[in-house]
Amino acid sequence: MVSKKKLKEYEERIKQALVILGQISEDTTTPRNIRRAAKESMDALQVTEYTPAVRASNVISILDEILQDPNMPPYTRVKLWNVMSLLEAIKD
């Protein structure tokens, strides 16, 4: 069982990730498929019937796939890496 303190920390990490993903999804200089993946990631993070760790790993797999995109602007790639490192710390 995850402690209350850890759960609060995880929710905070998810909030930070949502902010960054929100910026990417609204950035018109980012290719549409990457913005779509960011939006999909935001939706996946907000599915409350899963534990924070399950939501995090679902999003990591979505982002892992899109990070292979050669059309990804470098600054967007860095933001996505930040999101992934935030989420990778979330464990059950």
PDB file of N, CA and C in Angstrom:
ATOM      1  N   MET A   1       0.845  -1.204   0.000  1.00  0.00           N
ATOM      2  CA  MET A   1       0.000   0.000   0.000  1.00  0.00           C
ATOM      3  C   MET A   1       0.883   1.257   0.000  1.00  0.00           C
ATOM      4  N   VAL A   2       0.508   2.198  -0.809  1.00  0.00           N
ATOM      5  CA  VAL A   2       1.247   3.458  -0.912  1.00  0.00           C
ATOM      6  C   VAL A   2       0.783   4.390   0.208  1.00  0.00           C
ATOM      7  N   SER A   3       1.749   5.017   0.875  1.00  0.00           N
ATOM      8  CA  SER A   3       1.401   5.908   1.980  1.00  0.00           C
ATOM      9  C   SER A   3       0.697   7.170   1.462  1.00  0.00           C
ATOM     10  N   LYS A   4      -0.023   7.829   2.366  1.00  0.00           N
ATOM     11  CA  LYS A   4      -0.733   9.072   2.011  1.00  0.00           C
ATOM     12  C   LYS A   4       0.246  10.130   1.495  1.00  0.00           C
ATOM     13  N   LYS A   5       1.397  10.192   2.150  1.00  0.00           N
ATOM     14  CA  LYS A   5       2.408  11.185   1.781  1.00  0.00           C
ATOM     15  C   LYS A   5       2.902  10.920   0.346  1.00  0.00           C
ATOM     16  N   LYS A   6       3.173   9.664   0.051  1.00  0.00           N
ATOM     17  CA  LYS A   6       3.624   9.276  -1.297  1.00  0.00           C
ATOM     18  C   LYS A   6       2.542   9.588  -2.327  1.00  0.00           C
ATOM     19  N   LEU A   7       1.296   9.262  -1.985  1.00  0.00           N
ATOM     20  CA  LEU A   7       0.181   9.495  -2.888  1.00  0.00           C
ATOM     21  C   LEU A   7       0.071  10.977  -3.236  1.00  0.00           C
ATOM     22  N   LYS A   8       0.249  11.813  -2.228  1.00  0.00           N
ATOM     23  CA  LYS A   8       0.207  13.264  -2.434  1.00  0.00           C
ATOM     24  C   LYS A   8       1.339  13.685  -3.375  1.00  0.00           C
ATOM     25  N   GLU A   9       2.522  13.140  -3.162  1.00  0.00           N
ATOM     26  CA  GLU A   9       3.672  13.441  -4.016  1.00  0.00           C
ATOM     27  C   GLU A   9       3.386  12.991  -5.459  1.00  0.00           C
ATOM     28  N   TYR A  10       2.803  11.808  -5.615  1.00  0.00           N
ATOM     29  CA  TYR A  10       2.488  11.286  -6.950  1.00  0.00           C
ATOM     30  C   TYR A  10       1.469  12.165  -7.660  1.00  0.00           C
ATOM     31  N   GLU A  11       0.444  12.589  -6.918  1.00  0.00           N
ATOM     32  CA  GLU A  11      -0.567  13.463  -7.516  1.00  0.00           C
ATOM     33  C   GLU A  11       0.066  14.786  -7.944  1.00  0.00           C
ATOM     34  N   GLU A  12       1.016  15.263  -7.152  1.00  0.00           N
ATOM     35  CA  GLU A  12       1.735  16.499  -7.481  1.00  0.00           C
ATOM     36  C   GLU A  12       2.543  16.317  -8.774  1.00  0.00           C
ATOM     37  N   ARG A  13       3.223  15.189  -8.892  1.00  0.00           N
ATOM     38  CA  ARG A  13       3.995  14.884 -10.106  1.00  0.00           C
ATOM     39  C   ARG A  13       3.077  14.815 -11.328  1.00  0.00           C
ATOM     40  N   ILE A  14       1.912  14.186 -11.135  1.00  0.00           N
ATOM     41  CA  ILE A  14       0.946  14.067 -12.232  1.00  0.00           C
ATOM     42  C   ILE A  14       0.463  15.458 -12.632  1.00  0.00           C
ATOM     43  N   LYS A  15       0.213  16.319 -11.641  1.00  0.00           N
ATOM     44  CA  LYS A  15      -0.209  17.691 -11.936  1.00  0.00           C
ATOM     45  C   LYS A  15       0.844  18.419 -12.766  1.00  0.00           C
ATOM     46  N   GLN A  16       2.116  18.290 -12.362  1.00  0.00           N
ATOM     47  CA  GLN A  16       3.206  18.943 -13.102  1.00  0.00           C
ATOM     48  C   GLN A  16       3.269  18.405 -14.526  1.00  0.00           C
ATOM     49  N   ALA A  17       3.135  17.091 -14.669  1.00  0.00           N
ATOM     50  CA  ALA A  17       3.170  16.471 -15.991  1.00  0.00           C
ATOM     51  C   ALA A  17       2.022  17.000 -16.847  1.00  0.00           C
ATOM     52  N   LEU A  18       0.838  17.148 -16.252  1.00  0.00           N
ATOM     53  CA  LEU A  18      -0.322  17.656 -16.992  1.00  0.00           C
ATOM     54  C   LEU A  18      -0.093  19.076 -17.495  1.00  0.00           C
ATOM     55  N   VAL A  19       0.576  19.896 -16.685  1.00  0.00           N
ATOM     56  CA  VAL A  19       0.863  21.271 -17.098  1.00  0.00           C
ATOM     57  C   VAL A  19       1.764  21.268 -18.342  1.00  0.00           C
ATOM     58  N   ILE A  20       2.826  20.472 -18.298  1.00  0.00           N
ATOM     59  CA  ILE A  20       3.768  20.405 -19.428  1.00  0.00           C
ATOM     60  C   ILE A  20       3.075  19.837 -20.666  1.00  0.00           C
ATOM     61  N   LEU A  21       2.312  18.756 -20.494  1.00  0.00           N
ATOM     62  CA  LEU A  21       1.589  18.152 -21.622  1.00  0.00           C
ATOM     63  C   LEU A  21       0.580  19.141 -22.206  1.00  0.00           C
ATOM     64  N   GLY A  22      -0.031  19.950 -21.337  1.00  0.00           N
ATOM     65  CA  GLY A  22      -0.968  20.972 -21.785  1.00  0.00           C
ATOM     66  C   GLY A  22      -0.282  21.992 -22.673  1.00  0.00           C
ATOM     67  N   GLN A  23       0.929  22.394 -22.275  1.00  0.00           N
ATOM     68  CA  GLN A  23       1.697  23.349 -23.092  1.00  0.00           C
ATOM     69  C   GLN A  23       1.995  22.753 -24.465  1.00  0.00           C
ATOM     70  N   ILE A  24       2.403  21.489 -24.483  1.00  0.00           N
ATOM     71  CA  ILE A  24       2.733  20.830 -25.754  1.00  0.00           C
ATOM     72  C   ILE A  24       1.485  20.715 -26.625  1.00  0.00           C
ATOM     73  N   SER A  25       0.373  20.319 -26.027  1.00  0.00           N
ATOM     74  CA  SER A  25      -0.849  20.087 -26.817  1.00  0.00           C
ATOM     75  C   SER A  25      -1.400  21.381 -27.415  1.00  0.00           C
ATOM     76  N   GLU A  26      -1.018  22.525 -26.840  1.00  0.00           N
ATOM     77  CA  GLU A  26      -1.519  23.806 -27.355  1.00  0.00           C
ATOM     78  C   GLU A  26      -0.483  24.545 -28.192  1.00  0.00           C
ATOM     79  N   ASP A  27       0.694  23.961 -28.353  1.00  0.00           N
ATOM     80  CA  ASP A  27       1.780  24.612 -29.098  1.00  0.00           C
ATOM     81  C   ASP A  27       1.605  24.361 -30.595  1.00  0.00           C
ATOM     82  N   THR A  28       1.227  25.404 -31.325  1.00  0.00           N
ATOM     83  CA  THR A  28       0.946  25.242 -32.756  1.00  0.00           C
ATOM     84  C   THR A  28       2.201  24.995 -33.597  1.00  0.00           C
ATOM     85  N   THR A  29       3.370  25.188 -33.023  1.00  0.00           N
ATOM     86  CA  THR A  29       4.609  24.900 -33.771  1.00  0.00           C
ATOM     87  C   THR A  29       4.987  23.422 -33.686  1.00  0.00           C
ATOM     88  N   THR A  30       4.253  22.681 -32.854  1.00  0.00           N
ATOM     89  CA  THR A  30       4.500  21.244 -32.701  1.00  0.00           C
ATOM     90  C   THR A  30       3.599  20.489 -33.677  1.00  0.00           C
ATOM     91  N   PRO A  31       4.146  19.482 -34.380  1.00  0.00           N
ATOM     92  CA  PRO A  31       3.318  18.712 -35.320  1.00  0.00           C
ATOM     93  C   PRO A  31       2.050  18.151 -34.664  1.00  0.00           C
ATOM     94  N   ARG A  32       0.995  18.069 -35.446  1.00  0.00           N
ATOM     95  CA  ARG A  32      -0.324  17.680 -34.937  1.00  0.00           C
ATOM     96  C   ARG A  32      -0.328  16.315 -34.249  1.00  0.00           C
ATOM     97  N   ASN A  33       0.378  15.333 -34.808  1.00  0.00           N
ATOM     98  CA  ASN A  33       0.362  13.988 -34.198  1.00  0.00           C
ATOM     99  C   ASN A  33       1.003  14.006 -32.806  1.00  0.00           C
ATOM    100  N   ILE A  34       1.976  14.864 -32.603  1.00  0.00           N
ATOM    101  CA  ILE A  34       2.640  14.971 -31.300  1.00  0.00           C
ATOM    102  C   ILE A  34       1.718  15.681 -30.309  1.00  0.00           C
ATOM    103  N   ARG A  35       1.025  16.714 -30.783  1.00  0.00           N
ATOM    104  CA  ARG A  35       0.038  17.390 -29.927  1.00  0.00           C
ATOM    105  C   ARG A  35      -1.067  16.412 -29.540  1.00  0.00           C
ATOM    106  N   ARG A  36      -1.473  15.571 -30.486  1.00  0.00           N
ATOM    107  CA  ARG A  36      -2.521  14.583 -30.221  1.00  0.00           C
ATOM    108  C   ARG A  36      -2.047  13.594 -29.147  1.00  0.00           C
ATOM    109  N   ALA A  37      -0.800  13.154 -29.245  1.00  0.00           N
ATOM    110  CA  ALA A  37      -0.250  12.222 -28.247  1.00  0.00           C
ATOM    111  C   ALA A  37      -0.189  12.886 -26.867  1.00  0.00           C
ATOM    112  N   ALA A  38       0.132  14.172 -26.843  1.00  0.00           N
ATOM    113  CA  ALA A  38       0.167  14.900 -25.565  1.00  0.00           C
ATOM    114  C   ALA A  38      -1.235  14.952 -24.963  1.00  0.00           C
ATOM    115  N   LYS A  39      -2.220  15.211 -25.800  1.00  0.00           N
ATOM    116  CA  LYS A  39      -3.613  15.268 -25.341  1.00  0.00           C
ATOM    117  C   LYS A  39      -4.064  13.888 -24.836  1.00  0.00           C
ATOM    118  N   GLU A  40      -3.712  12.857 -25.591  1.00  0.00           N
ATOM    119  CA  GLU A  40      -4.037  11.480 -25.209  1.00  0.00           C
ATOM    120  C   GLU A  40      -3.393  11.143 -23.856  1.00  0.00           C
ATOM    121  N   SER A  41      -2.155  11.599 -23.675  1.00  0.00           N
ATOM    122  CA  SER A  41      -1.438  11.380 -22.413  1.00  0.00           C
ATOM    123  C   SER A  41      -2.143  12.075 -21.254  1.00  0.00           C
ATOM    124  N   MET A  42      -2.609  13.295 -21.513  1.00  0.00           N
ATOM    125  CA  MET A  42      -3.329  14.034 -20.471  1.00  0.00           C
ATOM    126  C   MET A  42      -4.590  13.269 -20.062  1.00  0.00           C
ATOM    127  N   ASP A  43      -5.318  12.755 -21.066  1.00  0.00           N
ATOM    128  CA  ASP A  43      -6.529  11.990 -20.770  1.00  0.00           C
ATOM    129  C   ASP A  43      -6.186  10.751 -19.943  1.00  0.00           C
ATOM    130  N   ALA A  44      -5.124  10.056 -20.346  1.00  0.00           N
ATOM    131  CA  ALA A  44      -4.717   8.829 -19.647  1.00  0.00           C
ATOM    132  C   ALA A  44      -4.315   9.114 -18.192  1.00  0.00           C
ATOM    133  N   LEU A  45      -3.709  10.267 -17.956  1.00  0.00           N
ATOM    134  CA  LEU A  45      -3.300  10.613 -16.584  1.00  0.00           C
ATOM    135  C   LEU A  45      -4.499  10.932 -15.700  1.00  0.00           C
ATOM    136  N   GLN A  46      -5.608  11.293 -16.309  1.00  0.00           N
ATOM    137  CA  GLN A  46      -6.768  11.710 -15.524  1.00  0.00           C
ATOM    138  C   GLN A  46      -7.799  10.601 -15.312  1.00  0.00           C
ATOM    139  N   VAL A  47      -7.478   9.381 -15.739  1.00  0.00           N
ATOM    140  CA  VAL A  47      -8.380   8.239 -15.528  1.00  0.00           C
ATOM    141  C   VAL A  47      -8.239   7.797 -14.075  1.00  0.00           C
ATOM    142  N   THR A  48      -9.233   8.134 -13.266  1.00  0.00           N
ATOM    143  CA  THR A  48      -9.084   7.921 -11.821  1.00  0.00           C
ATOM    144  C   THR A  48      -9.272   6.486 -11.364  1.00  0.00           C
ATOM    145  N   GLU A  49      -9.818   5.604 -12.233  1.00  0.00           N
ATOM    146  CA  GLU A  49      -9.998   4.229 -11.739  1.00  0.00           C
ATOM    147  C   GLU A  49      -8.693   3.430 -11.705  1.00  0.00           C
ATOM    148  N   TYR A  50      -7.634   3.989 -12.263  1.00  0.00           N
ATOM    149  CA  TYR A  50      -6.321   3.325 -12.174  1.00  0.00           C
ATOM    150  C   TYR A  50      -5.482   3.982 -11.091  1.00  0.00           C
ATOM    151  N   THR A  51      -4.516   3.220 -10.576  1.00  0.00           N
ATOM    152  CA  THR A  51      -3.603   3.795  -9.579  1.00  0.00           C
ATOM    153  C   THR A  51      -2.682   4.777 -10.298  1.00  0.00           C
ATOM    154  N   PRO A  52      -2.074   5.712  -9.547  1.00  0.00           N
ATOM    155  CA  PRO A  52      -1.141   6.658 -10.190  1.00  0.00           C
ATOM    156  C   PRO A  52      -0.042   5.940 -10.989  1.00  0.00           C
ATOM    157  N   ALA A  53       0.453   4.814 -10.471  1.00  0.00           N
ATOM    158  CA  ALA A  53       1.536   4.094 -11.159  1.00  0.00           C
ATOM    159  C   ALA A  53       1.075   3.525 -12.503  1.00  0.00           C
ATOM    160  N   VAL A  54      -0.145   3.008 -12.541  1.00  0.00           N
ATOM    161  CA  VAL A  54      -0.684   2.455 -13.792  1.00  0.00           C
ATOM    162  C   VAL A  54      -0.879   3.582 -14.806  1.00  0.00           C
ATOM    163  N   ARG A  55      -1.449   4.700 -14.338  1.00  0.00           N
ATOM    164  CA  ARG A  55      -1.642   5.843 -15.233  1.00  0.00           C
ATOM    165  C   ARG A  55      -0.296   6.319 -15.773  1.00  0.00           C
ATOM    166  N   ALA A  56       0.696   6.401 -14.884  1.00  0.00           N
ATOM    167  CA  ALA A  56       2.024   6.865 -15.291  1.00  0.00           C
ATOM    168  C   ALA A  56       2.618   5.932 -16.342  1.00  0.00           C
ATOM    169  N   SER A  57       2.524   4.632 -16.121  1.00  0.00           N
ATOM    170  CA  SER A  57       3.151   3.720 -17.087  1.00  0.00           C
ATOM    171  C   SER A  57       2.411   3.720 -18.423  1.00  0.00           C
ATOM    172  N   ASN A  58       1.083   3.922 -18.398  1.00  0.00           N
ATOM    173  CA  ASN A  58       0.339   4.048 -19.659  1.00  0.00           C
ATOM    174  C   ASN A  58       0.842   5.249 -20.460  1.00  0.00           C
ATOM    175  N   VAL A  59       1.040   6.358 -19.770  1.00  0.00           N
ATOM    176  CA  VAL A  59       1.493   7.580 -20.441  1.00  0.00           C
ATOM    177  C   VAL A  59       2.927   7.423 -20.931  1.00  0.00           C
ATOM    178  N   ILE A  60       3.767   6.784 -20.129  1.00  0.00           N
ATOM    179  CA  ILE A  60       5.155   6.570 -20.552  1.00  0.00           C
ATOM    180  C   ILE A  60       5.188   5.787 -21.856  1.00  0.00           C
ATOM    181  N   SER A  61       4.318   4.786 -21.997  1.00  0.00           N
ATOM    182  CA  SER A  61       4.340   4.021 -23.248  1.00  0.00           C
ATOM    183  C   SER A  61       3.828   4.851 -24.433  1.00  0.00           C
ATOM    184  N   ILE A  62       2.848   5.718 -24.202  1.00  0.00           N
ATOM    185  CA  ILE A  62       2.375   6.610 -25.277  1.00  0.00           C
ATOM    186  C   ILE A  62       3.521   7.531 -25.709  1.00  0.00           C
ATOM    187  N   LEU A  63       4.200   8.119 -24.726  1.00  0.00           N
ATOM    188  CA  LEU A  63       5.264   9.082 -25.027  1.00  0.00           C
ATOM    189  C   LEU A  63       6.482   8.403 -25.644  1.00  0.00           C
ATOM    190  N   ASP A  64       6.771   7.206 -25.172  1.00  0.00           N
ATOM    191  CA  ASP A  64       7.901   6.450 -25.699  1.00  0.00           C
ATOM    192  C   ASP A  64       7.774   6.283 -27.210  1.00  0.00           C
ATOM    193  N   GLU A  65       6.558   5.979 -27.622  1.00  0.00           N
ATOM    194  CA  GLU A  65       6.291   5.779 -29.042  1.00  0.00           C
ATOM    195  C   GLU A  65       6.471   7.077 -29.829  1.00  0.00           C
ATOM    196  N   ILE A  66       5.903   8.166 -29.326  1.00  0.00           N
ATOM    197  CA  ILE A  66       5.935   9.435 -30.065  1.00  0.00           C
ATOM    198  C   ILE A  66       7.339  10.048 -30.069  1.00  0.00           C
ATOM    199  N   LEU A  67       8.142   9.721 -29.072  1.00  0.00           N
ATOM    200  CA  LEU A  67       9.509  10.261 -29.021  1.00  0.00           C
ATOM    201  C   LEU A  67      10.381   9.777 -30.186  1.00  0.00           C
ATOM    202  N   GLN A  68       9.937   8.718 -30.865  1.00  0.00           N
ATOM    203  CA  GLN A  68      10.686   8.206 -32.023  1.00  0.00           C
ATOM    204  C   GLN A  68      10.472   9.085 -33.262  1.00  0.00           C
ATOM    205  N   ASP A  69       9.486   9.979 -33.199  1.00  0.00           N
ATOM    206  CA  ASP A  69       9.119  10.800 -34.351  1.00  0.00           C
ATOM    207  C   ASP A  69      10.256  11.737 -34.766  1.00  0.00           C
ATOM    208  N   PRO A  70      10.736  11.605 -36.015  1.00  0.00           N
ATOM    209  CA  PRO A  70      11.842  12.460 -36.477  1.00  0.00           C
ATOM    210  C   PRO A  70      11.433  13.926 -36.642  1.00  0.00           C
ATOM    211  N   ASN A  71      10.124  14.206 -36.723  1.00  0.00           N
ATOM    212  CA  ASN A  71       9.660  15.591 -36.891  1.00  0.00           C
ATOM    213  C   ASN A  71       9.493  16.335 -35.571  1.00  0.00           C
ATOM    214  N   MET A  72       9.847  15.674 -34.488  1.00  0.00           N
ATOM    215  CA  MET A  72       9.693  16.283 -33.166  1.00  0.00           C
ATOM    216  C   MET A  72      10.666  17.455 -32.992  1.00  0.00           C
ATOM    217  N   PRO A  73      10.136  18.657 -32.681  1.00  0.00           N
ATOM    218  CA  PRO A  73      11.051  19.778 -32.393  1.00  0.00           C
ATOM    219  C   PRO A  73      11.873  19.461 -31.134  1.00  0.00           C
ATOM    220  N   PRO A  74      13.156  19.827 -31.131  1.00  0.00           N
ATOM    221  CA  PRO A  74      14.018  19.504 -29.971  1.00  0.00           C
ATOM    222  C   PRO A  74      13.463  19.992 -28.630  1.00  0.00           C
ATOM    223  N   TYR A  75      12.895  21.204 -28.587  1.00  0.00           N
ATOM    224  CA  TYR A  75      12.381  21.723 -27.314  1.00  0.00           C
ATOM    225  C   TYR A  75      11.182  20.908 -26.824  1.00  0.00           C
ATOM    226  N   THR A  76      10.403  20.365 -27.762  1.00  0.00           N
ATOM    227  CA  THR A  76       9.264  19.514 -27.379  1.00  0.00           C
ATOM    228  C   THR A  76       9.779  18.193 -26.824  1.00  0.00           C
ATOM    229  N   ARG A  77      10.817  17.655 -27.468  1.00  0.00           N
ATOM    230  CA  ARG A  77      11.404  16.391 -27.001  1.00  0.00           C
ATOM    231  C   ARG A  77      11.893  16.538 -25.561  1.00  0.00           C
ATOM    232  N   VAL A  78      12.542  17.658 -25.257  1.00  0.00           N
ATOM    233  CA  VAL A  78      13.050  17.902 -23.899  1.00  0.00           C
ATOM    234  C   VAL A  78      11.889  17.950 -22.900  1.00  0.00           C
ATOM    235  N   LYS A  79      10.805  18.629 -23.288  1.00  0.00           N
ATOM    236  CA  LYS A  79       9.632  18.698 -22.395  1.00  0.00           C
ATOM    237  C   LYS A  79       9.072  17.297 -22.138  1.00  0.00           C
ATOM    238  N   LEU A  80       9.013  16.479 -23.191  1.00  0.00           N
ATOM    239  CA  LEU A  80       8.477  15.118 -23.025  1.00  0.00           C
ATOM    240  C   LEU A  80       9.388  14.272 -22.142  1.00  0.00           C
ATOM    241  N   TRP A  81      10.696  14.457 -22.279  1.00  0.00           N
ATOM    242  CA  TRP A  81      11.626  13.744 -21.390  1.00  0.00           C
ATOM    243  C   TRP A  81      11.382  14.157 -19.940  1.00  0.00           C
ATOM    244  N   ASN A  82      11.114  15.454 -19.726  1.00  0.00           N
ATOM    245  CA  ASN A  82      10.822  15.929 -18.364  1.00  0.00           C
ATOM    246  C   ASN A  82       9.576  15.241 -17.810  1.00  0.00           C
ATOM    247  N   VAL A  83       8.545  15.150 -18.647  1.00  0.00           N
ATOM    248  CA  VAL A  83       7.309  14.478 -18.229  1.00  0.00           C
ATOM    249  C   VAL A  83       7.618  13.030 -17.867  1.00  0.00           C
ATOM    250  N   MET A  84       8.388  12.360 -18.724  1.00  0.00           N
ATOM    251  CA  MET A  84       8.698  10.951 -18.465  1.00  0.00           C
ATOM    252  C   MET A  84       9.472  10.779 -17.162  1.00  0.00           C
ATOM    253  N   SER A  85      10.429  11.666 -16.899  1.00  0.00           N
ATOM    254  CA  SER A  85      11.192  11.507 -15.656  1.00  0.00           C
ATOM    255  C   SER A  85      10.311  11.792 -14.428  1.00  0.00           C
ATOM    256  N   LEU A  86       9.362  12.719 -14.557  1.00  0.00           N
ATOM    257  CA  LEU A  86       8.394  12.945 -13.467  1.00  0.00           C
ATOM    258  C   LEU A  86       7.606  11.669 -13.205  1.00  0.00           C
ATOM    259  N   LEU A  87       7.136  11.052 -14.282  1.00  0.00           N
ATOM    260  CA  LEU A  87       6.243   9.891 -14.146  1.00  0.00           C
ATOM    261  C   LEU A  87       6.976   8.605 -13.774  1.00  0.00           C
ATOM    262  N   GLU A  88       8.237   8.494 -14.179  1.00  0.00           N
ATOM    263  CA  GLU A  88       8.979   7.260 -13.887  1.00  0.00           C
ATOM    264  C   GLU A  88       9.203   7.058 -12.388  1.00  0.00           C
ATOM    265  N   ALA A  89       9.095   8.140 -11.632  1.00  0.00           N
ATOM    266  CA  ALA A  89       9.299   8.031 -10.172  1.00  0.00           C
ATOM    267  C   ALA A  89       8.052   7.504  -9.457  1.00  0.00           C
ATOM    268  N   ILE A  90       6.948   7.366 -10.186  1.00  0.00           N
ATOM    269  CA  ILE A  90       5.701   6.918  -9.558  1.00  0.00           C
ATOM    270  C   ILE A  90       5.621   5.386  -9.566  1.00  0.00           C
ATOM    271  N   LYS A  91       5.565   4.828  -8.374  1.00  0.00           N
ATOM    272  CA  LYS A  91       5.536   3.358  -8.217  1.00  0.00           C
ATOM    273  C   LYS A  91       4.361   2.948  -7.342  1.00  0.00           C
ATOM    274  N   ASP A  92       3.882   1.726  -7.542  1.00  0.00           N
ATOM    275  CA  ASP A  92       2.818   1.216  -6.669  1.00  0.00           C
ATOM    276  C   ASP A  92       3.389   0.648  -5.379  1.00  0.00           C
TER     277      ASP A  92
END
